[in-house]
């Protein structure tokens, strides 16, 4: 809900992505889906891409990873680099002074220690949202009992 609120307040196109929507059993399909997601986000820019449970996509790389998982992570990191480099680009002869296409990537996880270092570097800001206190839990409890 926080990601949707950010997108609404910023008047951006909102893409809500889950890891299962990017995973495919067919060879090369996952990388293609990641590439298409970011192409669409750039096309409909300004846009916000929200990835819930990002640790399932960008977990630490290891020797036990499957080849398709490695390729999807690599494509995801390449696309993330493209998002940040486009935002920093100066108007030049190529883009002829067009407005910069802003794509913001928001990610959420309950397991930040499982994220790959490359993903952590690509996320410019990290915000810890703690569990609600006693008063907040009471309010949530009352809301859900209505």
Protein backbone atom coordinates (compact mmCIF):
# COMPACT_ATOMS: atom_id res chain seq x y z
CA UNK A 1 0.00 0.00 0.00
CA UNK A 2 2.94 2.33 0.66
CA UNK A 3 4.31 1.75 -2.85
CA UNK A 4 0.90 2.44 -4.41
CA UNK A 5 0.64 5.63 -2.35
CA UNK A 6 4.10 6.76 -3.54
CA UNK A 7 3.13 6.14 -7.16
CA UNK A 8 -0.18 7.97 -6.74
CA UNK A 9 1.37 10.97 -5.00
CA UNK A 10 4.08 11.15 -7.67
CA UNK A 11 1.49 10.76 -10.46
CA UNK A 12 3.44 7.88 -11.98
CA UNK A 13 2.39 4.68 -13.73
CA UNK A 14 2.44 1.85 -11.20
CA UNK A 15 3.80 -1.63 -11.93
CA UNK A 16 3.25 -4.17 -9.13
CA UNK A 17 5.53 -7.15 -9.78
CA UNK A 18 5.86 -10.44 -7.96
CA UNK A 19 8.71 -12.88 -8.44
CA UNK A 20 6.31 -15.51 -9.76
CA UNK A 21 5.27 -13.23 -12.62
CA UNK A 22 8.91 -12.98 -13.75
CA UNK A 23 9.75 -16.67 -13.38
CA UNK A 24 9.25 -19.08 -16.25
CA UNK A 25 10.18 -22.69 -16.87
CA UNK A 26 11.09 -21.93 -20.48
CA UNK A 27 14.72 -21.16 -21.28
CA UNK A 28 15.37 -17.44 -21.71
CA UNK A 29 11.78 -16.46 -20.92
CA UNK A 30 12.52 -15.01 -17.45
CA UNK A 31 15.20 -12.67 -18.81
CA UNK A 32 12.82 -11.61 -21.56
CA UNK A 33 10.06 -10.84 -19.03
CA UNK A 34 12.46 -8.72 -16.95
CA UNK A 35 13.57 -6.81 -20.06
CA UNK A 36 9.96 -6.24 -21.17
CA UNK A 37 9.00 -5.00 -17.68
CA UNK A 38 11.67 -2.30 -17.75
CA UNK A 39 10.94 -1.42 -21.39
CA UNK A 40 7.28 -0.88 -20.49
CA UNK A 41 8.25 1.15 -17.44
CA UNK A 42 10.43 3.40 -19.62
CA UNK A 43 7.68 3.66 -22.26
CA UNK A 44 5.04 4.70 -19.69
CA UNK A 45 7.47 6.89 -17.72
CA UNK A 46 7.38 8.44 -15.27
CA UNK A 47 6.71 5.12 -13.61
CA UNK A 48 7.15 3.21 -10.37
CA UNK A 49 8.06 -0.48 -10.39
CA UNK A 50 7.28 -2.20 -7.08
CA UNK A 51 8.78 -5.61 -6.44
CA UNK A 52 7.43 -7.36 -3.37
CA UNK A 53 9.64 -9.96 -1.69
CA UNK A 54 12.60 -8.93 -3.83
CA UNK A 55 14.81 -11.42 -1.98
CA UNK A 56 13.19 -14.20 -4.02
CA UNK A 57 14.52 -12.59 -7.22
CA UNK A 58 17.76 -11.01 -6.00
CA UNK A 59 19.00 -13.38 -3.30
CA UNK A 60 22.71 -13.86 -2.75
CA UNK A 61 24.39 -15.64 -5.61
CA UNK A 62 26.04 -18.94 -4.86
CA UNK A 63 27.37 -22.07 -6.47
CA UNK A 64 24.03 -23.82 -5.89
CA UNK A 65 22.09 -21.40 -8.10
CA UNK A 66 20.46 -22.76 -11.23
CA UNK A 67 21.69 -21.34 -14.55
CA UNK A 68 18.32 -19.75 -15.36
CA UNK A 69 18.26 -18.04 -11.95
CA UNK A 70 21.74 -16.61 -12.56
CA UNK A 71 20.73 -15.30 -15.97
CA UNK A 72 17.56 -13.69 -14.63
CA UNK A 73 19.50 -11.95 -11.84
CA UNK A 74 22.07 -10.73 -14.33
CA UNK A 75 19.37 -9.30 -16.62
CA UNK A 76 17.61 -7.73 -13.62
CA UNK A 77 20.83 -6.03 -12.50
CA UNK A 78 21.56 -4.82 -16.04
CA UNK A 79 18.08 -3.29 -16.29
CA UNK A 80 18.47 -1.69 -12.84
CA UNK A 81 21.74 -0.12 -14.02
CA UNK A 82 19.95 1.21 -17.10
CA UNK A 83 17.31 2.86 -14.93
CA UNK A 84 19.85 4.72 -12.80
CA UNK A 85 22.08 5.71 -15.73
CA UNK A 86 19.14 7.11 -17.73
CA UNK A 87 18.07 9.29 -14.81
CA UNK A 88 21.59 10.71 -14.55
CA UNK A 89 21.96 11.30 -18.30
CA UNK A 90 22.41 14.83 -19.56
CA UNK A 91 20.43 16.04 -22.58
CA UNK A 92 22.59 15.51 -25.68
CA UNK A 93 22.37 15.09 -29.44
CA UNK A 94 20.98 11.58 -29.06
CA UNK A 95 17.97 12.41 -26.89
CA UNK A 96 17.69 15.94 -28.33
CA UNK A 97 16.74 17.52 -24.99
CA UNK A 98 13.75 15.24 -24.38
CA UNK A 99 12.49 15.05 -20.84
CA UNK A 100 14.32 12.37 -18.89
CA UNK A 101 12.28 9.21 -18.52
CA UNK A 102 12.16 8.56 -14.80
CA UNK A 103 11.68 5.01 -13.61
CA UNK A 104 11.71 4.43 -9.87
CA UNK A 105 12.17 0.92 -8.51
CA UNK A 106 10.78 0.19 -5.05
CA UNK A 107 11.44 -3.15 -3.41
CA UNK A 108 10.25 -4.74 -0.19
CA UNK A 109 11.59 -7.67 1.78
CA UNK A 110 11.36 -9.19 5.21
CA UNK A 111 14.85 -10.64 4.78
CA UNK A 112 17.28 -7.85 3.80
CA UNK A 113 20.29 -9.95 4.88
CA UNK A 114 19.49 -12.40 2.04
CA UNK A 115 19.81 -9.77 -0.70
CA UNK A 116 22.71 -9.92 -3.13
CA UNK A 117 25.32 -7.19 -2.63
CA UNK A 118 24.80 -6.07 -6.23
CA UNK A 119 21.11 -5.43 -5.50
CA UNK A 120 21.87 -3.52 -2.32
CA UNK A 121 24.28 -1.25 -4.25
CA UNK A 122 21.62 -0.51 -6.86
CA UNK A 123 19.03 0.55 -4.29
CA UNK A 124 19.89 4.16 -3.52
CA UNK A 125 17.92 4.43 -0.28
CA UNK A 126 17.00 1.85 2.29
CA UNK A 127 14.17 2.53 4.70
CA UNK A 128 13.43 0.34 7.69
CA UNK A 129 9.72 0.13 8.50
CA UNK A 130 9.41 -1.36 11.99
CA UNK A 131 6.52 -3.41 13.29
CA UNK A 132 3.73 -1.30 14.80
CA UNK A 133 3.80 -0.58 18.52
CA UNK A 134 1.05 -1.50 20.94
CA UNK A 135 -1.11 1.52 20.00
CA UNK A 136 -0.67 0.85 16.27
CA UNK A 137 -1.54 -2.84 16.65
CA UNK A 138 -4.68 -1.87 18.57
CA UNK A 139 -5.76 0.49 15.77
CA UNK A 140 -5.10 -2.19 13.13
CA UNK A 141 -7.02 -4.71 15.23
CA UNK A 142 -10.00 -2.33 15.49
CA UNK A 143 -9.93 -1.60 11.74
CA UNK A 144 -9.96 -5.30 10.88
CA UNK A 145 -12.81 -6.07 13.28
CA UNK A 146 -15.18 -3.55 11.65
